[in-house]
Amino acid sequence: MKIKSKILVTGSNGQLGKELREFSSLHTGLEFVFLSREDLPIHQLELVRNYFNTVKPAYCINCAAYTAVDKAESEKDLAFLINGEAVGVLAAICKEHNTKFIHISTDYVFNGEAAYPYTENFPTDPINVYGASKLEGDNQAMQLNPDSIIIRTSWVYSSFGKNFVKTMMKLMSEKDEVKVIKDQLGSPTNAADLAETIFNIIGLCHLQIYDWTPGIYNFSNEGIISWYDFAKAIKEITNSPCVIKPISTKEYPTSAKRPAYSVLDKTKIQQTFGVKLKKWEDSLSTCISNMKD
């Protein structure tokens, strides 16, 4: 009897972790272990090492992250512990155990001043603590485990957890008017599409259809929009009578600065692993439909 390869998913209570759990039922040839931050604090070296000694996963998908962008400005040490040091710990232990490591990162490693989509080798220059802490994790992962795959993504939403789509739907059901920023551009990412892509990469590499090719990759849905455009699409799909009013970033000050431009070039992941990208409009409609169901 062939032993199933184990896939360990850390940070399983987040948006992506829950989407990965949804997709796991489709992959009967693999065994999954889903752990929340409470189940496995990834910054505790010996605890992680002992767990790997017991479970011996073939793959590890790290979804654990400190994601409170504004709060990170006043909790820098905690943000760097979870997003930086802990990622290095996990990457190093994956190398010790010959476990293939996939880590999820962010567009916030860039400063948002570009005029065209960011490629993976574009110089990083984060403008807030969250982005700096995630960049530290990227750097530690590649330094301590050069066999890692890092996937940078942007504007993630899901039918699970807290996100822009769910916030907008709630506000539109409660208010007659909602103000949304129009001068920040990016590409939304349905976490379900990212989960499917991760599983496809693992599955195709596991079957040796594609080679495991370490490095940094960008992923999001296709299209370039503003948060205002995003909100208008949510309004249309949900048939909300709420008025969406465009405002500038200056009119909505936050503790952490946001990149004005967060569009990622996805050519590399498409060419390396045959990834097919969905249009953001289609993925948004699917997500909202799933929430209604």
C-alpha atoms as a PDB file:
ATOM      1  CA  MET A   1       0.000   0.000   0.000  1.00  0.00           C
ATOM      2  CA  LYS A   2       1.405   3.360  -1.017  1.00  0.00           C
ATOM      3  CA  ILE A   3       1.746   5.862   1.853  1.00  0.00           C
ATOM      4  CA  LYS A   4       0.095   9.202   1.129  1.00  0.00           C
ATOM      5  CA  SER A   5       2.339  12.268   1.098  1.00  0.00           C
ATOM      6  CA  LYS A   6       1.477  14.699   3.895  1.00  0.00           C
ATOM      7  CA  ILE A   7       0.861  18.392   3.348  1.00  0.00           C
ATOM      8  CA  LEU A   8       1.110  20.618   6.417  1.00  0.00           C
ATOM      9  CA  VAL A   9      -0.821  23.914   6.288  1.00  0.00           C
ATOM     10  CA  THR A  10       0.061  26.482   8.961  1.00  0.00           C
ATOM     11  CA  GLY A  11      -2.163  29.444   9.746  1.00  0.00           C
ATOM     12  CA  SER A  12      -5.164  27.341   8.755  1.00  0.00           C
ATOM     13  CA  ASN A  13      -7.762  29.657  10.333  1.00  0.00           C
ATOM     14  CA  GLY A  14      -7.069  32.503   7.916  1.00  0.00           C
ATOM     15  CA  GLN A  15      -8.753  33.189   4.573  1.00  0.00           C
ATOM     16  CA  LEU A  16      -6.293  31.169   2.500  1.00  0.00           C
ATOM     17  CA  GLY A  17      -5.989  28.404   5.095  1.00  0.00           C
ATOM     18  CA  LYS A  18      -9.738  27.853   5.048  1.00  0.00           C
ATOM     19  CA  GLU A  19      -9.851  27.883   1.240  1.00  0.00           C
ATOM     20  CA  LEU A  20      -7.054  25.298   1.181  1.00  0.00           C
ATOM     21  CA  ARG A  21      -9.111  23.136   3.530  1.00  0.00           C
ATOM     22  CA  GLU A  22     -12.065  23.412   1.112  1.00  0.00           C
ATOM     23  CA  PHE A  23      -9.924  22.250  -1.819  1.00  0.00           C
ATOM     24  CA  SER A  24      -8.161  19.478   0.125  1.00  0.00           C
ATOM     25  CA  SER A  25     -11.145  17.146  -0.231  1.00  0.00           C
ATOM     26  CA  LEU A  26     -10.521  17.039  -3.987  1.00  0.00           C
ATOM     27  CA  HIS A  27      -6.968  15.712  -3.551  1.00  0.00           C
ATOM     28  CA  THR A  28      -7.498  12.160  -2.350  1.00  0.00           C
ATOM     29  CA  GLY A  29      -3.915  11.114  -3.087  1.00  0.00           C
ATOM     30  CA  LEU A  30      -2.555  13.443  -0.424  1.00  0.00           C
ATOM     31  CA  GLU A  31      -2.965  13.636   3.360  1.00  0.00           C
ATOM     32  CA  PHE A  32      -3.499  17.063   4.937  1.00  0.00           C
ATOM     33  CA  VAL A  33      -2.712  18.445   8.364  1.00  0.00           C
ATOM     34  CA  PHE A  34      -4.239  21.859   9.130  1.00  0.00           C
ATOM     35  CA  LEU A  35      -2.808  23.795  12.074  1.00  0.00           C
ATOM     36  CA  SER A  36      -3.813  27.195  13.411  1.00  0.00           C
ATOM     37  CA  ARG A  37      -1.359  29.605  15.029  1.00  0.00           C
ATOM     38  CA  GLU A  38      -2.518  28.272  18.400  1.00  0.00           C
ATOM     39  CA  ASP A  39      -1.895  24.668  17.327  1.00  0.00           C
ATOM     40  CA  LEU A  40       1.640  25.406  16.162  1.00  0.00           C
ATOM     41  CA  PRO A  41       3.306  28.771  17.023  1.00  0.00           C
ATOM     42  CA  ILE A  42       5.765  28.757  14.137  1.00  0.00           C
ATOM     43  CA  HIS A  43       8.295  31.021  15.904  1.00  0.00           C
ATOM     44  CA  GLN A  44       9.002  28.354  18.561  1.00  0.00           C
ATOM     45  CA  LEU A  45      11.954  26.509  17.065  1.00  0.00           C
ATOM     46  CA  GLU A  46      11.998  23.331  19.164  1.00  0.00           C
ATOM     47  CA  LEU A  47       8.222  22.944  19.082  1.00  0.00           C
ATOM     48  CA  VAL A  48       8.226  23.149  15.283  1.00  0.00           C
ATOM     49  CA  ARG A  49      11.216  20.808  15.011  1.00  0.00           C
ATOM     50  CA  ASN A  50       9.570  18.221  17.275  1.00  0.00           C
ATOM     51  CA  TYR A  51       6.345  18.440  15.296  1.00  0.00           C
ATOM     52  CA  PHE A  52       8.191  17.845  12.013  1.00  0.00           C
ATOM     53  CA  ASN A  53      10.002  14.877  13.566  1.00  0.00           C
ATOM     54  CA  THR A  54       6.613  13.343  14.353  1.00  0.00           C
ATOM     55  CA  VAL A  55       4.537  14.259  11.284  1.00  0.00           C
ATOM     56  CA  LYS A  56       7.279  14.269   8.603  1.00  0.00           C
ATOM     57  CA  PRO A  57       5.371  16.359   6.013  1.00  0.00           C
ATOM     58  CA  ALA A  58       6.405  16.225   2.358  1.00  0.00           C
ATOM     59  CA  TYR A  59       5.114  19.771   1.804  1.00  0.00           C
ATOM     60  CA  CYS A  60       4.485  22.770   4.041  1.00  0.00           C
ATOM     61  CA  ILE A  61       2.270  25.698   3.008  1.00  0.00           C
ATOM     62  CA  ASN A  62       2.774  28.632   5.355  1.00  0.00           C
ATOM     63  CA  CYS A  63      -0.328  30.821   5.565  1.00  0.00           C
ATOM     64  CA  ALA A  64       0.447  32.029   9.098  1.00  0.00           C
ATOM     65  CA  ALA A  65       0.950  35.794   9.176  1.00  0.00           C
ATOM     66  CA  TYR A  66       0.461  38.987  11.139  1.00  0.00           C
ATOM     67  CA  THR A  67      -1.897  40.875   8.815  1.00  0.00           C
ATOM     68  CA  ALA A  68      -3.128  43.881  10.849  1.00  0.00           C
ATOM     69  CA  VAL A  69      -1.474  46.492   8.615  1.00  0.00           C
ATOM     70  CA  ASP A  70      -2.253  49.569  10.716  1.00  0.00           C
ATOM     71  CA  LYS A  71      -1.749  47.863  14.077  1.00  0.00           C
ATOM     72  CA  ALA A  72       1.690  46.680  12.937  1.00  0.00           C
ATOM     73  CA  GLU A  73       2.917  50.276  13.140  1.00  0.00           C
ATOM     74  CA  SER A  74       2.651  50.071  16.938  1.00  0.00           C
ATOM     75  CA  GLU A  75       3.410  46.334  17.210  1.00  0.00           C
ATOM     76  CA  LYS A  76       6.567  46.183  15.117  1.00  0.00           C
ATOM     77  CA  ASP A  77       8.308  43.508  17.207  1.00  0.00           C
ATOM     78  CA  LEU A  78       5.328  41.163  17.025  1.00  0.00           C
ATOM     79  CA  ALA A  79       4.899  41.723  13.284  1.00  0.00           C
ATOM     80  CA  PHE A  80       8.591  40.946  12.648  1.00  0.00           C
ATOM     81  CA  LEU A  81       8.451  37.910  14.944  1.00  0.00           C
ATOM     82  CA  ILE A  82       5.543  36.307  13.076  1.00  0.00           C
ATOM     83  CA  ASN A  83       6.192  37.548   9.526  1.00  0.00           C
ATOM     84  CA  GLY A  84       9.984  37.500   9.645  1.00  0.00           C
ATOM     85  CA  GLU A  85      11.750  35.361  12.238  1.00  0.00           C
ATOM     86  CA  ALA A  86       9.079  32.640  12.355  1.00  0.00           C
ATOM     87  CA  VAL A  87       9.187  32.222   8.574  1.00  0.00           C
ATOM     88  CA  GLY A  88      12.945  31.711   8.797  1.00  0.00           C
ATOM     89  CA  VAL A  89      12.451  29.067  11.502  1.00  0.00           C
ATOM     90  CA  LEU A  90       9.894  27.204   9.413  1.00  0.00           C
ATOM     91  CA  ALA A  91      11.969  27.429   6.232  1.00  0.00           C
ATOM     92  CA  ALA A  92      15.101  26.135   7.987  1.00  0.00           C
ATOM     93  CA  ILE A  93      13.276  23.184   9.544  1.00  0.00           C
ATOM     94  CA  CYS A  94      11.682  22.351   6.187  1.00  0.00           C
ATOM     95  CA  LYS A  95      15.202  22.180   4.747  1.00  0.00           C
ATOM     96  CA  GLU A  96      16.344  19.883   7.586  1.00  0.00           C
ATOM     97  CA  HIS A  97      13.489  17.482   6.823  1.00  0.00           C
ATOM     98  CA  ASN A  98      13.606  17.790   3.022  1.00  0.00           C
ATOM     99  CA  THR A  99      10.081  19.252   3.139  1.00  0.00           C
ATOM    100  CA  LYS A 100       9.061  21.377   0.156  1.00  0.00           C
ATOM    101  CA  PHE A 101       8.207  24.849   1.497  1.00  0.00           C
ATOM    102  CA  ILE A 102       5.649  27.277   0.033  1.00  0.00           C
ATOM    103  CA  HIS A 103       5.331  30.649   1.753  1.00  0.00           C
ATOM    104  CA  ILE A 104       2.709  33.328   1.059  1.00  0.00           C
ATOM    105  CA  SER A 105       3.877  36.929   0.815  1.00  0.00           C
ATOM    106  CA  THR A 106       2.522  40.281  -0.342  1.00  0.00           C
ATOM    107  CA  ASP A 107       2.634  43.142  -2.824  1.00  0.00           C
ATOM    108  CA  TYR A 108       3.382  45.418   0.167  1.00  0.00           C
ATOM    109  CA  VAL A 109       7.094  44.636  -0.192  1.00  0.00           C
ATOM    110  CA  PHE A 110       7.060  47.282  -2.978  1.00  0.00           C
ATOM    111  CA  ASN A 111       6.684  51.035  -2.508  1.00  0.00           C
ATOM    112  CA  GLY A 112       3.779  51.470  -4.918  1.00  0.00           C
ATOM    113  CA  GLU A 113       5.502  54.083  -7.068  1.00  0.00           C
ATOM    114  CA  ALA A 114       5.811  51.973 -10.231  1.00  0.00           C
ATOM    115  CA  ALA A 115       3.974  52.753 -13.454  1.00  0.00           C
ATOM    116  CA  TYR A 116       3.811  49.169 -14.706  1.00  0.00           C
ATOM    117  CA  PRO A 117       3.258  45.745 -13.050  1.00  0.00           C
ATOM    118  CA  TYR A 118       5.942  44.608 -10.616  1.00  0.00           C
ATOM    119  CA  THR A 119       8.062  41.652 -11.683  1.00  0.00           C
ATOM    120  CA  GLU A 120       9.567  39.367  -9.040  1.00  0.00           C
ATOM    121  CA  ASN A 121      13.041  40.902  -9.389  1.00  0.00           C
ATOM    122  CA  PHE A 122      11.901  44.537  -9.098  1.00  0.00           C
ATOM    123  CA  PRO A 123      13.728  46.260  -6.183  1.00  0.00           C
ATOM    124  CA  THR A 124      11.747  45.983  -2.942  1.00  0.00           C
ATOM    125  CA  ASP A 125      11.101  49.077  -0.828  1.00  0.00           C
ATOM    126  CA  PRO A 126       8.264  48.638   1.713  1.00  0.00           C
ATOM    127  CA  ILE A 127       6.634  51.803   3.044  1.00  0.00           C
ATOM    128  CA  ASN A 128       5.083  50.361   6.208  1.00  0.00           C
ATOM    129  CA  VAL A 129       5.982  47.945   9.022  1.00  0.00           C
ATOM    130  CA  TYR A 130       3.771  45.173   7.693  1.00  0.00           C
ATOM    131  CA  GLY A 131       5.491  45.250   4.297  1.00  0.00           C
ATOM    132  CA  ALA A 132       8.940  45.383   5.904  1.00  0.00           C
ATOM    133  CA  SER A 133       8.130  42.415   8.142  1.00  0.00           C
ATOM    134  CA  LYS A 134       6.872  40.354   5.200  1.00  0.00           C
ATOM    135  CA  LEU A 135       9.999  41.215   3.207  1.00  0.00           C
ATOM    136  CA  GLU A 136      12.103  40.010   6.136  1.00  0.00           C
ATOM    137  CA  GLY A 137      10.239  36.686   5.951  1.00  0.00           C
ATOM    138  CA  ASP A 138      10.868  36.427   2.203  1.00  0.00           C
ATOM    139  CA  ASN A 139      14.565  37.104   2.709  1.00  0.00           C
ATOM    140  CA  GLN A 140      14.950  34.645   5.586  1.00  0.00           C
ATOM    141  CA  ALA A 141      13.103  31.915   3.695  1.00  0.00           C
ATOM    142  CA  MET A 142      15.347  32.205   0.643  1.00  0.00           C
ATOM    143  CA  GLN A 143      18.539  32.535   2.712  1.00  0.00           C
ATOM    144  CA  LEU A 144      17.832  29.600   5.047  1.00  0.00           C
ATOM    145  CA  ASN A 145      16.083  27.410   2.480  1.00  0.00           C
ATOM    146  CA  PRO A 146      16.902  28.323  -1.137  1.00  0.00           C
ATOM    147  CA  ASP A 147      14.570  25.519  -2.291  1.00  0.00           C
ATOM    148  CA  SER A 148      11.544  27.546  -1.101  1.00  0.00           C
ATOM    149  CA  ILE A 149       8.723  28.838  -3.279  1.00  0.00           C
ATOM    150  CA  ILE A 150       7.391  32.249  -2.243  1.00  0.00           C
ATOM    151  CA  ILE A 151       4.117  33.487  -3.727  1.00  0.00           C
ATOM    152  CA  ARG A 152       3.442  37.208  -3.468  1.00  0.00           C
ATOM    153  CA  THR A 153      -0.199  38.184  -3.814  1.00  0.00           C
ATOM    154  CA  SER A 154      -2.427  41.257  -3.487  1.00  0.00           C
ATOM    155  CA  TRP A 155      -5.844  42.428  -2.294  1.00  0.00           C
ATOM    156  CA  VAL A 156      -6.873  39.006  -0.997  1.00  0.00           C
ATOM    157  CA  TYR A 157     -10.529  38.306  -0.247  1.00  0.00           C
ATOM    158  CA  SER A 158     -12.620  35.223   0.427  1.00  0.00           C
ATOM    159  CA  SER A 159     -15.977  34.013   1.639  1.00  0.00           C
ATOM    160  CA  PHE A 160     -14.086  33.343   4.894  1.00  0.00           C
ATOM    161  CA  GLY A 161     -12.671  35.823   7.416  1.00  0.00           C
ATOM    162  CA  LYS A 162     -12.522  39.604   7.302  1.00  0.00           C
ATOM    163  CA  ASN A 163     -11.811  41.290   3.970  1.00  0.00           C
ATOM    164  CA  PHE A 164     -12.779  44.175   1.696  1.00  0.00           C
ATOM    165  CA  VAL A 165     -15.587  42.339  -0.080  1.00  0.00           C
ATOM    166  CA  LYS A 166     -17.358  41.276   3.105  1.00  0.00           C
ATOM    167  CA  THR A 167     -16.846  44.704   4.683  1.00  0.00           C
ATOM    168  CA  MET A 168     -18.328  46.451   1.644  1.00  0.00           C
ATOM    169  CA  MET A 169     -21.303  44.095   1.508  1.00  0.00           C
ATOM    170  CA  LYS A 170     -22.016  44.802   5.172  1.00  0.00           C
ATOM    171  CA  LEU A 171     -21.658  48.587   4.809  1.00  0.00           C
ATOM    172  CA  MET A 172     -23.828  48.639   1.693  1.00  0.00           C
ATOM    173  CA  SER A 173     -26.575  46.809   3.550  1.00  0.00           C
ATOM    174  CA  GLU A 174     -26.458  49.344   6.399  1.00  0.00           C
ATOM    175  CA  LYS A 175     -25.732  52.716   4.761  1.00  0.00           C
ATOM    176  CA  ASP A 176     -27.100  54.865   1.964  1.00  0.00           C
ATOM    177  CA  GLU A 177     -23.609  56.040   0.943  1.00  0.00           C
ATOM    178  CA  VAL A 178     -20.120  54.558   1.241  1.00  0.00           C
ATOM    179  CA  LYS A 179     -16.874  56.418   0.496  1.00  0.00           C
ATOM    180  CA  VAL A 180     -14.088  54.385  -1.133  1.00  0.00           C
ATOM    181  CA  ILE A 181     -10.538  55.295  -2.194  1.00  0.00           C
ATOM    182  CA  LYS A 182     -10.038  55.789  -5.924  1.00  0.00           C
ATOM    183  CA  ASP A 183      -6.312  56.630  -6.189  1.00  0.00           C
ATOM    184  CA  GLN A 184      -4.891  53.256  -5.138  1.00  0.00           C
ATOM    185  CA  LEU A 185      -4.629  50.681  -7.947  1.00  0.00           C
ATOM    186  CA  GLY A 186      -4.161  46.925  -7.756  1.00  0.00           C
ATOM    187  CA  SER A 187      -5.456  43.502  -8.695  1.00  0.00           C
ATOM    188  CA  PRO A 188      -7.817  41.571  -6.406  1.00  0.00           C
ATOM    189  CA  THR A 189      -7.108  37.946  -5.498  1.00  0.00           C
ATOM    190  CA  ASN A 190      -9.833  35.467  -4.672  1.00  0.00           C
ATOM    191  CA  ALA A 191      -8.185  33.258  -2.033  1.00  0.00           C
ATOM    192  CA  ALA A 192      -9.954  30.252  -3.573  1.00  0.00           C
ATOM    193  CA  ASP A 193      -8.053  30.825  -6.834  1.00  0.00           C
ATOM    194  CA  LEU A 194      -4.764  31.104  -4.948  1.00  0.00           C
ATOM    195  CA  ALA A 195      -5.538  27.892  -3.047  1.00  0.00           C
ATOM    196  CA  GLU A 196      -6.311  26.094  -6.309  1.00  0.00           C
ATOM    197  CA  THR A 197      -3.053  27.347  -7.837  1.00  0.00           C
ATOM    198  CA  ILE A 198      -0.995  26.175  -4.839  1.00  0.00           C
ATOM    199  CA  PHE A 199      -2.561  22.720  -5.001  1.00  0.00           C
ATOM    200  CA  ASN A 200      -2.003  22.552  -8.750  1.00  0.00           C
ATOM    201  CA  ILE A 201       1.685  23.407  -8.315  1.00  0.00           C
ATOM    202  CA  ILE A 202       2.118  20.761  -5.614  1.00  0.00           C
ATOM    203  CA  GLY A 203       0.110  18.168  -7.533  1.00  0.00           C
ATOM    204  CA  LEU A 204       1.879  18.691 -10.855  1.00  0.00           C
ATOM    205  CA  CYS A 205       5.315  18.700  -9.211  1.00  0.00           C
ATOM    206  CA  HIS A 206       4.402  15.640  -7.123  1.00  0.00           C
ATOM    207  CA  LEU A 207       3.482  13.807 -10.342  1.00  0.00           C
ATOM    208  CA  GLN A 208       6.700  15.153 -11.934  1.00  0.00           C
ATOM    209  CA  ILE A 209       4.728  16.842 -14.716  1.00  0.00           C
ATOM    210  CA  TYR A 210       6.527  20.060 -13.743  1.00  0.00           C
ATOM    211  CA  ASP A 211       9.828  20.439 -11.929  1.00  0.00           C
ATOM    212  CA  TRP A 212       9.832  21.979  -8.454  1.00  0.00           C
ATOM    213  CA  THR A 213      11.347  25.358  -9.356  1.00  0.00           C
ATOM    214  CA  PRO A 214      12.205  27.415  -6.266  1.00  0.00           C
ATOM    215  CA  GLY A 215      12.045  31.198  -6.207  1.00  0.00           C
ATOM    216  CA  ILE A 216       9.639  34.104  -5.853  1.00  0.00           C
ATOM    217  CA  TYR A 217       6.408  34.201  -7.877  1.00  0.00           C
ATOM    218  CA  ASN A 218       3.565  36.707  -8.220  1.00  0.00           C
ATOM    219  CA  PHE A 219      -0.097  35.710  -8.277  1.00  0.00           C
ATOM    220  CA  SER A 220      -3.417  37.557  -8.445  1.00  0.00           C
ATOM    221  CA  ASN A 221      -6.484  37.598 -10.636  1.00  0.00           C
ATOM    222  CA  GLU A 222      -6.271  39.456 -13.941  1.00  0.00           C
ATOM    223  CA  GLY A 223      -7.147  43.134 -14.256  1.00  0.00           C
ATOM    224  CA  ILE A 224      -6.162  46.526 -12.820  1.00  0.00           C
ATOM    225  CA  ILE A 225      -8.716  48.438 -10.744  1.00  0.00           C
ATOM    226  CA  SER A 226      -9.052  50.882  -7.860  1.00  0.00           C
ATOM    227  CA  TRP A 227     -10.723  50.120  -4.529  1.00  0.00           C
ATOM    228  CA  TYR A 228     -13.549  52.348  -5.792  1.00  0.00           C
ATOM    229  CA  ASP A 229     -13.927  50.189  -8.923  1.00  0.00           C
ATOM    230  CA  PHE A 230     -13.895  47.104  -6.704  1.00  0.00           C
ATOM    231  CA  ALA A 231     -16.664  48.510  -4.508  1.00  0.00           C
ATOM    232  CA  LYS A 232     -18.770  49.475  -7.535  1.00  0.00           C
ATOM    233  CA  ALA A 233     -18.519  45.903  -8.851  1.00  0.00           C
ATOM    234  CA  ILE A 234     -19.630  44.536  -5.468  1.00  0.00           C
ATOM    235  CA  LYS A 235     -22.584  46.954  -5.534  1.00  0.00           C
ATOM    236  CA  GLU A 236     -23.598  45.777  -9.009  1.00  0.00           C
ATOM    237  CA  ILE A 237     -23.309  42.066  -8.246  1.00  0.00           C
ATOM    238  CA  THR A 238     -25.311  42.393  -5.034  1.00  0.00           C
ATOM    239  CA  ASN A 239     -27.856  44.800  -6.570  1.00  0.00           C
ATOM    240  CA  SER A 240     -27.303  47.234  -3.712  1.00  0.00           C
ATOM    241  CA  PRO A 241     -28.966  50.673  -3.885  1.00  0.00           C
ATOM    242  CA  CYS A 242     -26.090  52.164  -1.855  1.00  0.00           C
ATOM    243  CA  VAL A 243     -24.253  55.106  -3.463  1.00  0.00           C
ATOM    244  CA  ILE A 244     -20.472  54.585  -3.824  1.00  0.00           C
ATOM    245  CA  LYS A 245     -18.562  57.868  -3.595  1.00  0.00           C
ATOM    246  CA  PRO A 246     -14.888  58.119  -4.698  1.00  0.00           C
ATOM    247  CA  ILE A 247     -12.392  59.768  -2.332  1.00  0.00           C
ATOM    248  CA  SER A 248      -8.615  60.250  -2.287  1.00  0.00           C
ATOM    249  CA  THR A 249      -6.099  58.580   0.014  1.00  0.00           C
ATOM    250  CA  LYS A 250      -5.569  61.949   1.699  1.00  0.00           C
ATOM    251  CA  GLU A 251      -9.236  61.996   2.643  1.00  0.00           C
ATOM    252  CA  TYR A 252      -8.913  58.661   4.428  1.00  0.00           C
ATOM    253  CA  PRO A 253      -5.740  58.798   6.582  1.00  0.00           C
ATOM    254  CA  THR A 254      -4.482  55.552   8.132  1.00  0.00           C
ATOM    255  CA  SER A 255      -1.665  54.698  10.564  1.00  0.00           C
ATOM    256  CA  ALA A 256       0.214  52.788   7.870  1.00  0.00           C
ATOM    257  CA  LYS A 257       0.887  54.189   4.405  1.00  0.00           C
ATOM    258  CA  ARG A 258      -0.542  52.142   1.536  1.00  0.00           C
ATOM    259  CA  PRO A 259       1.104  51.604  -1.863  1.00  0.00           C
ATOM    260  CA  ALA A 260      -0.615  53.661  -4.559  1.00  0.00           C
ATOM    261  CA  TYR A 261       0.122  50.956  -7.147  1.00  0.00           C
ATOM    262  CA  SER A 262       0.063  47.250  -6.265  1.00  0.00           C
ATOM    263  CA  VAL A 263      -0.198  45.495  -9.625  1.00  0.00           C
ATOM    264  CA  LEU A 264       1.878  42.326  -9.972  1.00  0.00           C
ATOM    265  CA  ASP A 265       3.267  40.813 -13.183  1.00  0.00           C
ATOM    266  CA  LYS A 266       2.233  37.129 -13.225  1.00  0.00           C
ATOM    267  CA  THR A 267       4.162  36.006 -16.308  1.00  0.00           C
ATOM    268  CA  LYS A 268       6.684  33.911 -14.359  1.00  0.00           C
ATOM    269  CA  ILE A 269       4.166  31.692 -12.530  1.00  0.00           C
ATOM    270  CA  GLN A 270       2.218  31.188 -15.758  1.00  0.00           C
ATOM    271  CA  GLN A 271       5.284  30.113 -17.716  1.00  0.00           C
ATOM    272  CA  THR A 272       6.900  28.010 -14.980  1.00  0.00           C
ATOM    273  CA  PHE A 273       3.874  26.056 -13.730  1.00  0.00           C
ATOM    274  CA  GLY A 274       1.287  26.526 -16.481  1.00  0.00           C
ATOM    275  CA  VAL A 275      -0.961  28.579 -14.182  1.00  0.00           C
ATOM    276  CA  LYS A 276      -4.102  29.945 -15.820  1.00  0.00           C
ATOM    277  CA  LEU A 277      -5.401  33.234 -14.425  1.00  0.00           C
ATOM    278  CA  LYS A 278      -9.050  34.183 -13.977  1.00  0.00           C
ATOM    279  CA  LYS A 279     -10.454  37.651 -14.526  1.00  0.00           C
ATOM    280  CA  TRP A 280     -11.125  39.481 -11.274  1.00  0.00           C
ATOM    281  CA  GLU A 281     -14.754  40.145 -12.235  1.00  0.00           C
ATOM    282  CA  ASP A 282     -15.479  36.448 -12.741  1.00  0.00           C
ATOM    283  CA  SER A 283     -13.787  35.429  -9.485  1.00  0.00           C
ATOM    284  CA  LEU A 284     -15.609  38.141  -7.541  1.00  0.00           C
ATOM    285  CA  SER A 285     -18.988  36.973  -8.895  1.00  0.00           C
ATOM    286  CA  THR A 286     -18.156  33.381  -7.949  1.00  0.00           C
ATOM    287  CA  CYS A 287     -17.123  34.360  -4.428  1.00  0.00           C
ATOM    288  CA  ILE A 288     -20.243  36.436  -3.772  1.00  0.00           C
ATOM    289  CA  SER A 289     -22.429  33.677  -5.202  1.00  0.00           C
ATOM    290  CA  ASN A 290     -20.777  31.182  -2.826  1.00  0.00           C
ATOM    291  CA  MET A 291     -21.393  33.524   0.114  1.00  0.00           C
ATOM    292  CA  LYS A 292     -25.088  33.781  -0.785  1.00  0.00           C
ATOM    293  CA  ASP A 293     -25.338  29.988  -1.012  1.00  0.00           C
END
